[in-house]
C-alpha atoms as a PDB file:
ATOM      1  CA  MET A   1      22.767  13.843  -2.820  1.00  0.00           C
ATOM      2  CA  HIS A   2      21.121  10.428  -3.218  1.00  0.00           C
ATOM      3  CA  SER A   3      18.372   8.397  -1.473  1.00  0.00           C
ATOM      4  CA  GLY A   4      20.667   5.644  -0.709  1.00  0.00           C
ATOM      5  CA  PHE A   5      19.467   2.918  -3.471  1.00  0.00           C
ATOM      6  CA  LEU A   6      21.859   3.562  -6.132  1.00  0.00           C
ATOM      7  CA  GLY A   7      21.661   1.631  -9.400  1.00  0.00           C
ATOM      8  CA  HIS A   8      18.361  -0.212 -10.703  1.00  0.00           C
ATOM      9  CA  GLU A   9      15.766  -1.226  -8.087  1.00  0.00           C
ATOM     10  CA  ASN A  10      12.261  -1.869  -8.390  1.00  0.00           C
ATOM     11  CA  ASP A  11      10.035  -0.544  -5.609  1.00  0.00           C
ATOM     12  CA  THR A  12       9.221  -3.539  -4.106  1.00  0.00           C
ATOM     13  CA  GLY A  13      13.066  -4.396  -3.935  1.00  0.00           C
ATOM     14  CA  THR A  14      13.801  -1.105  -2.169  1.00  0.00           C
ATOM     15  CA  TYR A  15      10.884  -1.411   0.258  1.00  0.00           C
ATOM     16  CA  ARG A  16      12.358  -4.672   1.573  1.00  0.00           C
ATOM     17  CA  GLN A  17      15.746  -2.995   1.993  1.00  0.00           C
ATOM     18  CA  ILE A  18      14.493  -0.334   4.176  1.00  0.00           C
ATOM     19  CA  GLY A  19      14.001  -0.722   8.063  1.00  0.00           C
ATOM     20  CA  HIS A  20      10.781  -1.398   9.842  1.00  0.00           C
ATOM     21  CA  ILE A  21       7.902   1.127   9.641  1.00  0.00           C
ATOM     22  CA  GLY A  22       5.725   1.762  12.678  1.00  0.00           C
ATOM     23  CA  PRO A  23       5.411   3.537  15.968  1.00  0.00           C
ATOM     24  CA  GLY A  24       8.925   2.872  17.758  1.00  0.00           C
ATOM     25  CA  GLN A  25      10.493   1.130  14.851  1.00  0.00           C
ATOM     26  CA  HIS A  26      13.460   2.406  12.443  1.00  0.00           C
ATOM     27  CA  LEU A  27      11.266   4.675  10.662  1.00  0.00           C
ATOM     28  CA  ASP A  28       8.716   5.894  12.907  1.00  0.00           C
ATOM     29  CA  PHE A  29       4.950   6.295  11.640  1.00  0.00           C
ATOM     30  CA  PRO A  30       1.958   6.865  13.400  1.00  0.00           C
ATOM     31  CA  ALA A  31      -0.310   4.059  14.112  1.00  0.00           C
ATOM     32  CA  ASP A  32      -3.162   5.700  12.578  1.00  0.00           C
ATOM     33  CA  CYS A  33      -1.754   6.516   9.241  1.00  0.00           C
ATOM     34  CA  PHE A  34      -1.693   3.936   6.145  1.00  0.00           C
ATOM     35  CA  LEU A  35       0.374   4.032   3.036  1.00  0.00           C
ATOM     36  CA  LEU A  36      -1.746   2.938  -0.182  1.00  0.00           C
ATOM     37  CA  ALA A  37       0.144   0.380  -2.003  1.00  0.00           C
ATOM     38  CA  ASP A  38      -0.113  -1.934  -5.203  1.00  0.00           C
ATOM     39  CA  GLY A  39      -1.040  -5.613  -4.853  1.00  0.00           C
ATOM     40  CA  ILE A  40       2.700  -6.709  -5.239  1.00  0.00           C
ATOM     41  CA  TYR A  41       3.284  -5.214  -1.429  1.00  0.00           C
ATOM     42  CA  PRO A  42       2.218  -6.897   1.577  1.00  0.00           C
ATOM     43  CA  ASN A  43      -0.955  -6.047   3.143  1.00  0.00           C
ATOM     44  CA  LYS A  44       0.350  -5.530   6.626  1.00  0.00           C
ATOM     45  CA  HIS A  45       0.540  -2.196   8.353  1.00  0.00           C
ATOM     46  CA  PRO A  46       1.209   0.592   7.295  1.00  0.00           C
ATOM     47  CA  LEU A  47       0.634  -0.701   3.880  1.00  0.00           C
ATOM     48  CA  VAL A  48      -2.745  -0.928   2.803  1.00  0.00           C
ATOM     49  CA  THR A  49      -3.452  -2.677  -0.564  1.00  0.00           C
ATOM     50  CA  ALA A  50      -6.975  -3.342  -2.600  1.00  0.00           C
ATOM     51  CA  TYR A  51      -8.842  -6.478  -2.319  1.00  0.00           C
ATOM     52  CA  LYS A  52      -7.854  -9.313  -4.802  1.00  0.00           C
ATOM     53  CA  SER A  53     -10.775 -10.714  -6.570  1.00  0.00           C
ATOM     54  CA  ALA A  54     -10.199 -14.111  -4.917  1.00  0.00           C
ATOM     55  CA  GLU A  55     -10.979 -12.226  -1.458  1.00  0.00           C
ATOM     56  CA  MET A  56     -14.394 -10.880  -2.853  1.00  0.00           C
ATOM     57  CA  VAL A  57     -16.030 -14.011  -4.029  1.00  0.00           C
ATOM     58  CA  ARG A  58     -18.436 -15.929  -2.187  1.00  0.00           C
ATOM     59  CA  ARG A  59     -18.667 -12.977   0.149  1.00  0.00           C
ATOM     60  CA  PRO A  60     -22.314 -11.642   1.298  1.00  0.00           C
ATOM     61  CA  PRO A  61     -23.747  -9.197  -1.316  1.00  0.00           C
ATOM     62  CA  ARG A  62     -23.082  -5.979   1.138  1.00  0.00           C
ATOM     63  CA  GLU A  63     -19.529  -7.155   1.744  1.00  0.00           C
ATOM     64  CA  GLN A  64     -18.718  -7.387  -1.837  1.00  0.00           C
ATOM     65  CA  ARG A  65     -20.159  -3.963  -2.381  1.00  0.00           C
ATOM     66  CA  ARG A  66     -18.052  -2.546   0.528  1.00  0.00           C
ATOM     67  CA  ARG A  67     -14.960  -4.058  -0.812  1.00  0.00           C
ATOM     68  CA  ARG A  68     -15.379  -2.734  -4.483  1.00  0.00           C
ATOM     69  CA  LYS A  69     -16.170   0.614  -3.036  1.00  0.00           C
ATOM     70  CA  PHE A  70     -13.045   0.324  -0.906  1.00  0.00           C
ATOM     71  CA  ASN A  71     -10.878  -0.842  -4.158  1.00  0.00           C
ATOM     72  CA  LEU A  72     -12.539   2.334  -6.067  1.00  0.00           C
ATOM     73  CA  LEU A  73     -11.505   4.831  -3.402  1.00  0.00           C
ATOM     74  CA  HIS A  74      -7.777   2.915  -3.194  1.00  0.00           C
ATOM     75  CA  ARG A  75      -7.064   3.067  -6.565  1.00  0.00           C
ATOM     76  CA  GLN A  76      -8.490   6.849  -7.198  1.00  0.00           C
ATOM     77  CA  ARG A  77      -6.173   7.899  -4.284  1.00  0.00           C
ATOM     78  CA  ARG A  78      -3.120   6.055  -5.224  1.00  0.00           C
ATOM     79  CA  VAL A  79      -3.379   7.271  -8.789  1.00  0.00           C
ATOM     80  CA  TYR A  80      -3.588  10.687  -7.466  1.00  0.00           C
ATOM     81  CA  VAL A  81      -0.692  10.347  -5.324  1.00  0.00           C
ATOM     82  CA  LYS A  82       1.412   8.817  -8.313  1.00  0.00           C
ATOM     83  CA  HIS A  83       0.505  11.955 -10.222  1.00  0.00           C
ATOM     84  CA  VAL A  84       1.278  14.314  -7.606  1.00  0.00           C
ATOM     85  CA  ILE A  85       4.886  12.886  -6.857  1.00  0.00           C
ATOM     86  CA  LYS A  86       5.451  12.044 -10.629  1.00  0.00           C
END
């Protein structure tokens, strides 16, 4: 049994090869659920990536704090998931 992606392929290459993900798409996925992804992936549903530093500059302090907190939570959960699935 194999996953269908034989040989050496990085995660993003494999992601590009799978069908569309979402409600009613090739790979059905609930609209209110998200997948935490590294910055190399596109930030579009169902993937959620952390804010880049360029997206944080020149924002009001309250918005910067909110984005930093989001990035911290995103990083903590993403690392936890990686450790669980090894």
